[in-house]
Structure formats: C-alpha cells, structure tokens
Amino acid sequence: MAHRPSPTKSSQRKAALTHIDAKGDARMVDVSAKDATERTAVAEGRVVMTKATLALIVSGNAKKGDVLATARIAGIMAAKRTSELIPLCHPLALSKVTLDISPDPKLPGCRVQATVKVTGPTGVEMEALTAVSVACLTIYDMIKAVERGVRIEGIRLIEKIGGKSGHYRARD
C-alpha cells in the first residue's frame, strides 16, 4: 500500500479537494443530500489550422464529409457519456447539450463552444468540457490527412450557473 502524507495545517486551511477522502483516497462525492437545481455550464476551445484547410472545411469539400456537423454530433455524444470517461463523474440525465462551431478566418480555424444544462444535484462543467474536447478532436480527425500540424487550444470553462457555489464567469 502506498504511503500518503497526512495533510498539513496549511493545506487544511485551503479549499479541500472534493474527490479525495480523509485518507487521501479517490472517491465519488455523495450528492444524495443536495437539492436538484437547474445548472448550466459553458466551455470553449479552438482548433487552429491553415487558411487553406479552413477553406476546405467551409466549402464542404473535406474527404471524410461534413466536418462541422460530425464534430457537433461527436461533442453532443461525448457530453452524454462523460461519466464513462471521467472516473469520478456522476452519470447525469442531461436536459440540453448544444455545440456551436464557428469558422474563424482570423485564427484561422474553428471556435467551439458547448452549453450543457441539467436539473440535478451536481454540475455539468465536466460534460461541457468533454463536449468541447471531443468536438475539437473530431475536427482534427476529419482534417488530419490534409494538415497534421493542427493545434487544439484554449479548452476551458467560461461560465457555470447554479448550484451551491453560485455563478462563475471566466475573465477574458
């Protein structure tokens, strides 16, 4: 059995990690006593590529098909399966998942934004982040034959609404 250092007084004053128990073992948080409230999370990311590759996506001439539609569906599917991918996430009955993917010639590339909503005892930040991540990966997969140097960047939570901790909005 691995030795886990006991928490120091300074670490006890900081916010506790909710997925670690008093012994330092990973655990799923018990949310059974929490009220079911409406919760929303919004996440974003970018897929950066050359102007020529972006033009191929926008024109609809990618060899594998409609890049943006495929990435949108992949992101929605991923949000619904987050608890199967992230070990300590609760399975949630999501009430809304939207993925907005916008070509951006200034990057050049695509901006990806996911909004996920649930009425339940726990939030949907991980579902929104998973949706964005998988949508970005799908864009890469759809265009990698044309450009292998594509970059996935800036995946982050930009807003969280609802729950005990209240409203969070990322600073730009």
N, C-alpha and C. Protein backbone atom coordinates (compact mmCIF):
# COMPACT_ATOMS: atom_id res chain seq x y z
N MET A 1 0.85 -1.17 0.00
CA MET A 1 0.00 0.00 0.00
C MET A 1 0.89 1.24 0.00
N ALA A 2 0.56 2.19 -0.85
CA ALA A 2 1.35 3.41 -0.98
C ALA A 2 1.16 4.30 0.24
N HIS A 3 2.25 4.96 0.64
CA HIS A 3 2.19 5.90 1.76
C HIS A 3 1.64 7.23 1.26
N ARG A 4 0.69 7.76 1.97
CA ARG A 4 0.15 9.08 1.64
C ARG A 4 0.47 10.01 2.79
N PRO A 5 1.12 11.13 2.48
CA PRO A 5 1.41 12.07 3.56
C PRO A 5 0.12 12.62 4.15
N SER A 6 0.14 12.84 5.47
CA SER A 6 -1.04 13.43 6.10
C SER A 6 -1.09 14.91 5.75
N PRO A 7 -2.28 15.46 5.68
CA PRO A 7 -2.40 16.87 5.31
C PRO A 7 -1.74 17.78 6.35
N THR A 8 -1.11 18.83 5.88
CA THR A 8 -0.50 19.80 6.78
C THR A 8 -1.54 20.82 7.19
N LYS A 9 -1.22 21.56 8.25
CA LYS A 9 -2.17 22.58 8.70
C LYS A 9 -2.43 23.62 7.62
N SER A 10 -1.39 23.97 6.84
CA SER A 10 -1.60 24.96 5.79
C SER A 10 -2.50 24.42 4.68
N SER A 11 -2.39 23.13 4.36
CA SER A 11 -3.25 22.58 3.31
C SER A 11 -4.67 22.41 3.81
N GLN A 12 -4.86 22.26 5.14
CA GLN A 12 -6.20 22.12 5.69
C GLN A 12 -6.95 23.45 5.64
N ARG A 13 -6.22 24.56 5.62
CA ARG A 13 -6.86 25.87 5.55
C ARG A 13 -7.34 26.17 4.14
N LYS A 14 -6.75 25.53 3.14
CA LYS A 14 -7.15 25.75 1.75
C LYS A 14 -8.43 24.97 1.47
N ALA A 15 -9.06 25.29 0.36
CA ALA A 15 -10.26 24.55 -0.04
C ALA A 15 -9.90 23.08 -0.24
N ALA A 16 -10.74 22.20 0.24
CA ALA A 16 -10.49 20.77 0.16
C ALA A 16 -10.83 20.26 -1.24
N LEU A 17 -10.09 19.26 -1.68
CA LEU A 17 -10.42 18.58 -2.93
C LEU A 17 -11.58 17.64 -2.64
N THR A 18 -12.66 17.81 -3.35
CA THR A 18 -13.88 17.07 -3.04
C THR A 18 -13.81 15.59 -3.43
N HIS A 19 -12.90 15.22 -4.31
CA HIS A 19 -12.82 13.83 -4.74
C HIS A 19 -11.73 13.04 -4.01
N ILE A 20 -11.25 13.60 -2.90
CA ILE A 20 -10.24 12.92 -2.08
C ILE A 20 -10.79 12.83 -0.66
N ASP A 21 -10.79 11.60 -0.09
CA ASP A 21 -11.31 11.45 1.27
C ASP A 21 -10.23 11.78 2.31
N ALA A 22 -10.56 11.63 3.58
CA ALA A 22 -9.65 11.99 4.67
C ALA A 22 -8.35 11.18 4.63
N LYS A 23 -8.38 9.97 4.06
CA LYS A 23 -7.18 9.14 3.97
C LYS A 23 -6.36 9.45 2.71
N GLY A 24 -6.90 10.30 1.84
CA GLY A 24 -6.21 10.62 0.60
C GLY A 24 -6.60 9.74 -0.57
N ASP A 25 -7.63 8.93 -0.39
CA ASP A 25 -8.10 8.04 -1.45
C ASP A 25 -9.11 8.76 -2.34
N ALA A 26 -9.10 8.42 -3.62
CA ALA A 26 -10.09 8.97 -4.55
C ALA A 26 -11.47 8.43 -4.20
N ARG A 27 -12.48 9.30 -4.34
CA ARG A 27 -13.86 8.89 -4.04
C ARG A 27 -14.82 9.67 -4.91
N MET A 28 -15.98 9.08 -5.11
CA MET A 28 -17.05 9.80 -5.77
C MET A 28 -17.79 10.59 -4.70
N VAL A 29 -18.05 11.84 -4.96
CA VAL A 29 -18.72 12.71 -3.99
C VAL A 29 -20.16 12.25 -3.81
N ASP A 30 -20.62 12.20 -2.56
CA ASP A 30 -22.01 11.85 -2.26
C ASP A 30 -22.87 13.10 -2.44
N VAL A 31 -23.72 13.10 -3.45
CA VAL A 31 -24.58 14.25 -3.72
C VAL A 31 -26.04 13.97 -3.34
N SER A 32 -26.27 12.88 -2.63
CA SER A 32 -27.65 12.47 -2.33
C SER A 32 -28.41 13.48 -1.46
N ALA A 33 -27.73 14.26 -0.64
CA ALA A 33 -28.41 15.23 0.22
C ALA A 33 -28.55 16.60 -0.45
N LYS A 34 -27.99 16.76 -1.64
CA LYS A 34 -28.06 18.06 -2.31
C LYS A 34 -29.38 18.21 -3.06
N ASP A 35 -29.88 19.42 -3.09
CA ASP A 35 -31.11 19.71 -3.82
C ASP A 35 -30.86 19.65 -5.32
N ALA A 36 -31.86 19.19 -6.04
CA ALA A 36 -31.82 19.23 -7.50
C ALA A 36 -32.17 20.64 -7.95
N THR A 37 -31.22 21.31 -8.57
CA THR A 37 -31.45 22.65 -9.09
C THR A 37 -31.00 22.69 -10.54
N GLU A 38 -31.45 23.72 -11.25
CA GLU A 38 -31.03 23.88 -12.64
C GLU A 38 -29.59 24.37 -12.66
N ARG A 39 -28.76 23.71 -13.45
CA ARG A 39 -27.34 24.03 -13.55
C ARG A 39 -26.95 24.06 -15.01
N THR A 40 -26.12 25.04 -15.36
CA THR A 40 -25.66 25.20 -16.74
C THR A 40 -24.16 25.43 -16.73
N ALA A 41 -23.48 24.88 -17.71
CA ALA A 41 -22.05 25.14 -17.88
C ALA A 41 -21.77 25.41 -19.35
N VAL A 42 -20.85 26.34 -19.60
CA VAL A 42 -20.44 26.69 -20.95
C VAL A 42 -18.92 26.56 -21.01
N ALA A 43 -18.43 25.85 -22.02
CA ALA A 43 -16.99 25.67 -22.21
C ALA A 43 -16.65 26.05 -23.65
N GLU A 44 -15.37 26.33 -23.87
CA GLU A 44 -14.93 26.70 -25.21
C GLU A 44 -13.56 26.11 -25.52
N GLY A 45 -13.24 26.11 -26.80
CA GLY A 45 -11.93 25.69 -27.28
C GLY A 45 -11.76 26.16 -28.71
N ARG A 46 -10.53 26.03 -29.22
CA ARG A 46 -10.22 26.45 -30.60
C ARG A 46 -9.43 25.36 -31.30
N VAL A 47 -9.66 25.26 -32.60
CA VAL A 47 -8.86 24.38 -33.45
C VAL A 47 -8.21 25.30 -34.48
N VAL A 48 -6.89 25.41 -34.41
CA VAL A 48 -6.14 26.34 -35.27
C VAL A 48 -5.50 25.57 -36.41
N MET A 49 -5.64 26.10 -37.61
CA MET A 49 -5.15 25.42 -38.83
C MET A 49 -4.76 26.48 -39.86
N THR A 50 -4.35 26.05 -41.03
CA THR A 50 -4.02 26.99 -42.11
C THR A 50 -5.31 27.51 -42.75
N LYS A 51 -5.19 28.62 -43.44
CA LYS A 51 -6.35 29.18 -44.15
C LYS A 51 -6.87 28.22 -45.20
N ALA A 52 -5.96 27.50 -45.85
CA ALA A 52 -6.38 26.55 -46.90
C ALA A 52 -7.22 25.42 -46.31
N THR A 53 -6.83 24.91 -45.16
CA THR A 53 -7.60 23.83 -44.52
C THR A 53 -8.96 24.34 -44.06
N LEU A 54 -8.99 25.54 -43.50
CA LEU A 54 -10.27 26.13 -43.09
C LEU A 54 -11.18 26.31 -44.30
N ALA A 55 -10.62 26.75 -45.42
CA ALA A 55 -11.43 26.93 -46.64
C ALA A 55 -12.02 25.60 -47.09
N LEU A 56 -11.27 24.52 -46.92
CA LEU A 56 -11.76 23.18 -47.28
C LEU A 56 -12.95 22.79 -46.41
N ILE A 57 -12.87 23.11 -45.13
CA ILE A 57 -13.98 22.82 -44.20
C ILE A 57 -15.21 23.64 -44.58
N VAL A 58 -15.02 24.93 -44.77
CA VAL A 58 -16.14 25.84 -45.06
C VAL A 58 -16.81 25.48 -46.38
N SER A 59 -16.03 25.06 -47.37
CA SER A 59 -16.60 24.72 -48.67
C SER A 59 -17.33 23.38 -48.65
N GLY A 60 -17.11 22.58 -47.60
CA GLY A 60 -17.76 21.27 -47.52
C GLY A 60 -17.08 20.22 -48.36
N ASN A 61 -15.82 20.44 -48.72
CA ASN A 61 -15.11 19.51 -49.61
C ASN A 61 -14.11 18.61 -48.90
N ALA A 62 -14.20 18.45 -47.60
CA ALA A 62 -13.30 17.54 -46.89
C ALA A 62 -13.64 16.11 -47.30
N LYS A 63 -12.60 15.29 -47.48
CA LYS A 63 -12.80 13.91 -47.96
C LYS A 63 -13.71 13.08 -47.06
N LYS A 64 -13.64 13.31 -45.75
CA LYS A 64 -14.43 12.50 -44.82
C LYS A 64 -15.86 12.98 -44.67
N GLY A 65 -16.20 14.14 -45.25
CA GLY A 65 -17.57 14.62 -45.17
C GLY A 65 -17.68 15.95 -44.45
N ASP A 66 -18.85 16.22 -43.92
CA ASP A 66 -19.16 17.49 -43.26
C ASP A 66 -18.47 17.54 -41.90
N VAL A 67 -17.37 18.26 -41.85
CA VAL A 67 -16.53 18.32 -40.64
C VAL A 67 -17.30 18.90 -39.46
N LEU A 68 -17.96 20.02 -39.66
CA LEU A 68 -18.62 20.70 -38.55
C LEU A 68 -19.81 19.92 -38.01
N ALA A 69 -20.60 19.34 -38.89
CA ALA A 69 -21.75 18.54 -38.44
C ALA A 69 -21.28 17.30 -37.68
N THR A 70 -20.24 16.65 -38.17
CA THR A 70 -19.71 15.47 -37.49
C THR A 70 -19.16 15.83 -36.12
N ALA A 71 -18.42 16.93 -36.03
CA ALA A 71 -17.86 17.37 -34.75
C ALA A 71 -18.96 17.75 -33.77
N ARG A 72 -20.01 18.37 -34.26
CA ARG A 72 -21.14 18.76 -33.40
C ARG A 72 -21.79 17.52 -32.78
N ILE A 73 -22.06 16.52 -33.60
CA ILE A 73 -22.68 15.28 -33.10
C ILE A 73 -21.73 14.57 -32.13
N ALA A 74 -20.44 14.52 -32.46
CA ALA A 74 -19.46 13.87 -31.57
C ALA A 74 -19.42 14.55 -30.21
N GLY A 75 -19.46 15.88 -30.19
CA GLY A 75 -19.45 16.61 -28.93
C GLY A 75 -20.68 16.34 -28.09
N ILE A 76 -21.83 16.30 -28.72
CA ILE A 76 -23.08 16.00 -28.00
C ILE A 76 -23.03 14.59 -27.42
N MET A 77 -22.59 13.64 -28.23
CA MET A 77 -22.47 12.25 -27.75
C MET A 77 -21.50 12.15 -26.58
N ALA A 78 -20.38 12.88 -26.67
CA ALA A 78 -19.38 12.83 -25.61
C ALA A 78 -19.92 13.39 -24.30
N ALA A 79 -20.66 14.49 -24.37
CA ALA A 79 -21.25 15.07 -23.15
C ALA A 79 -22.11 14.03 -22.44
N LYS A 80 -22.89 13.29 -23.21
CA LYS A 80 -23.80 12.29 -22.64
C LYS A 80 -23.05 11.11 -22.02
N ARG A 81 -21.78 10.91 -22.39
CA ARG A 81 -21.01 9.76 -21.91
C ARG A 81 -19.87 10.15 -20.98
N THR A 82 -19.89 11.37 -20.49
CA THR A 82 -18.78 11.86 -19.66
C THR A 82 -18.49 10.96 -18.47
N SER A 83 -19.51 10.46 -17.79
CA SER A 83 -19.28 9.63 -16.61
C SER A 83 -18.58 8.31 -16.96
N GLU A 84 -18.63 7.90 -18.22
CA GLU A 84 -17.91 6.70 -18.64
C GLU A 84 -16.43 7.00 -18.94
N LEU A 85 -16.11 8.27 -19.14
CA LEU A 85 -14.75 8.67 -19.50
C LEU A 85 -13.97 9.23 -18.32
N ILE A 86 -14.63 9.97 -17.45
CA ILE A 86 -14.00 10.61 -16.29
C ILE A 86 -14.43 9.79 -15.07
N PRO A 87 -13.51 9.10 -14.43
CA PRO A 87 -13.86 8.08 -13.44
C PRO A 87 -14.78 8.51 -12.30
N LEU A 88 -14.68 9.72 -11.79
CA LEU A 88 -15.45 10.08 -10.60
C LEU A 88 -16.66 10.97 -10.89
N CYS A 89 -17.00 11.13 -12.17
CA CYS A 89 -18.17 11.92 -12.54
C CYS A 89 -19.44 11.10 -12.36
N HIS A 90 -20.49 11.78 -11.93
CA HIS A 90 -21.79 11.14 -11.79
C HIS A 90 -22.46 11.03 -13.16
N PRO A 91 -23.16 9.93 -13.42
CA PRO A 91 -23.99 9.89 -14.64
C PRO A 91 -25.17 10.84 -14.46
N LEU A 92 -25.40 11.67 -15.46
CA LEU A 92 -26.45 12.70 -15.36
C LEU A 92 -27.43 12.57 -16.51
N ALA A 93 -28.68 12.88 -16.23
CA ALA A 93 -29.71 12.95 -17.26
C ALA A 93 -29.72 14.38 -17.79
N LEU A 94 -28.91 14.64 -18.80
CA LEU A 94 -28.77 15.99 -19.34
C LEU A 94 -30.07 16.43 -20.00
N SER A 95 -30.42 17.69 -19.79
CA SER A 95 -31.63 18.21 -20.40
C SER A 95 -31.34 19.02 -21.66
N LYS A 96 -30.07 19.43 -21.83
CA LYS A 96 -29.71 20.21 -23.02
C LYS A 96 -28.21 20.10 -23.26
N VAL A 97 -27.85 19.88 -24.52
CA VAL A 97 -26.46 19.96 -24.95
C VAL A 97 -26.47 20.64 -26.31
N THR A 98 -25.79 21.78 -26.41
CA THR A 98 -25.64 22.43 -27.71
C THR A 98 -24.17 22.65 -27.98
N LEU A 99 -23.80 22.50 -29.22
CA LEU A 99 -22.44 22.76 -29.66
C LEU A 99 -22.48 23.75 -30.80
N ASP A 100 -21.83 24.87 -30.60
CA ASP A 100 -21.72 25.88 -31.65
C ASP A 100 -20.29 25.86 -32.15
N ILE A 101 -20.13 25.62 -33.44
CA ILE A 101 -18.80 25.59 -34.05
C ILE A 101 -18.79 26.64 -35.14
N SER A 102 -17.89 27.61 -34.99
CA SER A 102 -17.84 28.74 -35.91
C SER A 102 -16.48 28.82 -36.59
N PRO A 103 -16.47 28.78 -37.92
CA PRO A 103 -15.21 29.03 -38.63
C PRO A 103 -14.77 30.47 -38.34
N ASP A 104 -13.50 30.66 -38.09
CA ASP A 104 -12.96 31.98 -37.78
C ASP A 104 -11.71 32.23 -38.62
N PRO A 105 -11.84 33.04 -39.68
CA PRO A 105 -10.70 33.29 -40.55
C PRO A 105 -9.55 34.02 -39.85
N LYS A 106 -9.83 34.70 -38.74
CA LYS A 106 -8.77 35.41 -38.01
C LYS A 106 -7.81 34.45 -37.31
N LEU A 107 -8.29 33.25 -36.89
CA LEU A 107 -7.40 32.30 -36.20
C LEU A 107 -6.24 31.86 -37.10
N PRO A 108 -6.35 31.34 -38.21
CA PRO A 108 -7.54 30.73 -38.83
C PRO A 108 -7.87 29.40 -38.16
N GLY A 109 -9.16 29.07 -38.18
CA GLY A 109 -9.59 27.82 -37.58
C GLY A 109 -11.04 27.87 -37.18
N CYS A 110 -11.38 27.07 -36.17
CA CYS A 110 -12.76 26.96 -35.70
C CYS A 110 -12.82 27.22 -34.21
N ARG A 111 -13.84 27.96 -33.80
CA ARG A 111 -14.13 28.17 -32.39
C ARG A 111 -15.26 27.21 -32.02
N VAL A 112 -15.08 26.53 -30.91
CA VAL A 112 -16.05 25.52 -30.47
C VAL A 112 -16.56 25.93 -29.10
N GLN A 113 -17.89 25.96 -28.95
CA GLN A 113 -18.49 26.29 -27.66
C GLN A 113 -19.60 25.30 -27.36
N ALA A 114 -19.59 24.76 -26.15
CA ALA A 114 -20.63 23.82 -25.71
C ALA A 114 -21.38 24.42 -24.54
N THR A 115 -22.70 24.26 -24.56
CA THR A 115 -23.55 24.63 -23.44
C THR A 115 -24.29 23.37 -23.01
N VAL A 116 -24.19 23.06 -21.71
CA VAL A 116 -24.83 21.86 -21.18
C VAL A 116 -25.68 22.27 -19.99
N LYS A 117 -26.88 21.68 -19.92
CA LYS A 117 -27.81 22.01 -18.84
C LYS A 117 -28.36 20.73 -18.23
N VAL A 118 -28.61 20.79 -16.91
CA VAL A 118 -29.21 19.68 -16.18
C VAL A 118 -30.00 20.25 -15.01
N THR A 119 -31.01 19.52 -14.58
CA THR A 119 -31.62 19.79 -13.29
C THR A 119 -31.25 18.60 -12.43
N GLY A 120 -30.41 18.87 -11.45
CA GLY A 120 -29.90 17.78 -10.63
C GLY A 120 -29.09 18.29 -9.47
N PRO A 121 -28.46 17.34 -8.72
CA PRO A 121 -27.72 17.71 -7.52
C PRO A 121 -26.24 18.04 -7.75
N THR A 122 -25.80 17.97 -8.98
CA THR A 122 -24.39 18.26 -9.28
C THR A 122 -24.27 18.95 -10.63
N GLY A 123 -23.18 19.65 -10.82
CA GLY A 123 -23.00 20.48 -12.01
C GLY A 123 -22.58 19.72 -13.25
N VAL A 124 -22.50 20.46 -14.36
CA VAL A 124 -22.21 19.87 -15.67
C VAL A 124 -20.95 20.47 -16.32
N GLU A 125 -20.03 20.97 -15.50
CA GLU A 125 -18.80 21.52 -16.07
C GLU A 125 -18.03 20.48 -16.86
N MET A 126 -17.90 19.28 -16.30
CA MET A 126 -17.12 18.23 -16.99
C MET A 126 -17.79 17.82 -18.29
N GLU A 127 -19.10 17.82 -18.32
CA GLU A 127 -19.81 17.47 -19.56
C GLU A 127 -19.56 18.51 -20.64
N ALA A 128 -19.57 19.79 -20.27
CA ALA A 128 -19.30 20.85 -21.25
C ALA A 128 -17.86 20.78 -21.74
N LEU A 129 -16.92 20.56 -20.84
CA LEU A 129 -15.50 20.46 -21.23
C LEU A 129 -15.25 19.22 -22.09
N THR A 130 -15.91 18.12 -21.77
CA THR A 130 -15.76 16.90 -22.56
C THR A 130 -16.34 17.10 -23.96
N ALA A 131 -17.48 17.76 -24.05
CA ALA A 131 -18.10 18.03 -25.35
C ALA A 131 -17.16 18.84 -26.24
N VAL A 132 -16.58 19.89 -25.69
CA VAL A 132 -15.66 20.73 -26.46
C VAL A 132 -14.43 19.93 -26.87
N SER A 133 -13.86 19.18 -25.94
CA SER A 133 -12.65 18.41 -26.22
C SER A 133 -12.86 17.42 -27.36
N VAL A 134 -13.95 16.68 -27.29
CA VAL A 134 -14.22 15.66 -28.31
C VAL A 134 -14.58 16.31 -29.65
N ALA A 135 -15.29 17.41 -29.63
CA ALA A 135 -15.59 18.12 -30.88
C ALA A 135 -14.29 18.60 -31.54
N CYS A 136 -13.39 19.15 -30.75
CA CYS A 136 -12.10 19.60 -31.29
C CYS A 136 -11.29 18.43 -31.84
N LEU A 137 -11.27 17.33 -31.10
CA LEU A 137 -10.55 16.14 -31.58
C LEU A 137 -11.16 15.60 -32.87
N THR A 138 -12.48 15.68 -32.99
CA THR A 138 -13.15 15.20 -34.20
C THR A 138 -12.79 16.08 -35.39
N ILE A 139 -12.73 17.38 -35.19
CA ILE A 139 -12.29 18.27 -36.27
C ILE A 139 -10.89 17.86 -36.71
N TYR A 140 -10.00 17.64 -35.75
CA TYR A 140 -8.64 17.19 -36.09
C TYR A 140 -8.69 15.90 -36.91
N ASP A 141 -9.45 14.93 -36.43
CA ASP A 141 -9.54 13.64 -37.13
C ASP A 141 -10.04 13.80 -38.56
N MET A 142 -10.99 14.69 -38.76
CA MET A 142 -11.59 14.87 -40.08
C MET A 142 -10.63 15.54 -41.07
N ILE A 143 -9.64 16.30 -40.58
CA ILE A 143 -8.77 17.06 -41.48
C ILE A 143 -7.30 16.66 -41.41
N LYS A 144 -6.97 15.67 -40.59
CA LYS A 144 -5.55 15.32 -40.39
C LYS A 144 -4.86 14.84 -41.65
N ALA A 145 -5.59 14.28 -42.59
CA ALA A 145 -4.97 13.84 -43.84
C ALA A 145 -4.47 15.03 -44.66
N VAL A 146 -5.09 16.18 -44.47
CA VAL A 146 -4.70 17.39 -45.20
C VAL A 146 -3.65 18.19 -44.44
N GLU A 147 -3.79 18.22 -43.10
CA GLU A 147 -2.88 19.03 -42.28
C GLU A 147 -2.69 18.38 -40.91
N ARG A 148 -1.51 17.87 -40.67
CA ARG A 148 -1.21 17.22 -39.39
C ARG A 148 -0.81 18.21 -38.29
N GLY A 149 -0.46 19.42 -38.65
CA GLY A 149 0.00 20.41 -37.68
C GLY A 149 -1.09 21.23 -37.03
N VAL A 150 -2.32 20.79 -37.12
CA VAL A 150 -3.44 21.49 -36.50
C VAL A 150 -3.23 21.51 -34.98
N ARG A 151 -3.60 22.62 -34.35
CA ARG A 151 -3.45 22.76 -32.89
C ARG A 151 -4.82 22.90 -32.25
N ILE A 152 -4.98 22.21 -31.14
CA ILE A 152 -6.18 22.36 -30.31
C ILE A 152 -5.74 23.20 -29.11
N GLU A 153 -6.46 24.30 -28.88
CA GLU A 153 -6.02 25.26 -27.86
C GLU A 153 -7.19 25.77 -27.02
N GLY A 154 -6.83 26.29 -25.87
CA GLY A 154 -7.74 27.11 -25.07
C GLY A 154 -8.99 26.44 -24.54
N ILE A 155 -8.96 25.14 -24.33
CA ILE A 155 -10.14 24.48 -23.78
C ILE A 155 -10.28 24.90 -22.32
N ARG A 156 -11.45 25.49 -22.02
CA ARG A 156 -11.67 25.99 -20.66
C ARG A 156 -13.15 26.19 -20.39
N LEU A 157 -13.47 26.22 -19.10
CA LEU A 157 -14.81 26.56 -18.66
C LEU A 157 -14.93 28.07 -18.71
N ILE A 158 -15.98 28.57 -19.37
CA ILE A 158 -16.14 30.03 -19.40
C ILE A 158 -17.29 30.51 -18.52
N GLU A 159 -18.24 29.61 -18.20
CA GLU A 159 -19.32 30.03 -17.31
C GLU A 159 -19.96 28.82 -16.66
N LYS A 160 -20.37 29.00 -15.41
CA LYS A 160 -21.11 28.00 -14.65
C LYS A 160 -22.21 28.74 -13.90
N ILE A 161 -23.42 28.24 -14.03
CA ILE A 161 -24.57 28.87 -13.38
C ILE A 161 -25.29 27.81 -12.56
N GLY A 162 -25.64 28.17 -11.32
CA GLY A 162 -26.41 27.28 -10.47
C GLY A 162 -25.55 26.53 -9.48
N GLY A 163 -26.22 25.86 -8.56
CA GLY A 163 -25.52 25.09 -7.55
C GLY A 163 -25.09 25.93 -6.36
N LYS A 164 -24.54 25.25 -5.37
CA LYS A 164 -24.17 25.88 -4.11
C LYS A 164 -23.09 26.96 -4.28
N SER A 165 -22.15 26.73 -5.19
CA SER A 165 -21.05 27.70 -5.35
C SER A 165 -21.46 28.91 -6.18
N GLY A 166 -22.66 28.89 -6.75
CA GLY A 166 -23.17 30.07 -7.45
C GLY A 166 -22.66 30.24 -8.86
N HIS A 167 -22.62 31.49 -9.29
CA HIS A 167 -22.28 31.84 -10.67
C HIS A 167 -20.78 32.06 -10.81
N TYR A 168 -20.21 31.47 -11.86
CA TYR A 168 -18.79 31.68 -12.19
C TYR A 168 -18.71 32.14 -13.63
N ARG A 169 -17.90 33.13 -13.89
CA ARG A 169 -17.64 33.60 -15.26
C ARG A 169 -16.14 33.82 -15.38
N ALA A 170 -15.52 33.19 -16.37
CA ALA A 170 -14.08 33.33 -16.59
C ALA A 170 -13.76 34.75 -17.02
N ARG A 171 -12.62 35.21 -16.59
CA ARG A 171 -12.13 36.50 -17.06
C ARG A 171 -11.50 36.31 -18.42
N ASP A 172 -11.67 37.29 -19.28
CA ASP A 172 -11.07 37.17 -20.62
C ASP A 172 -9.59 37.46 -20.63
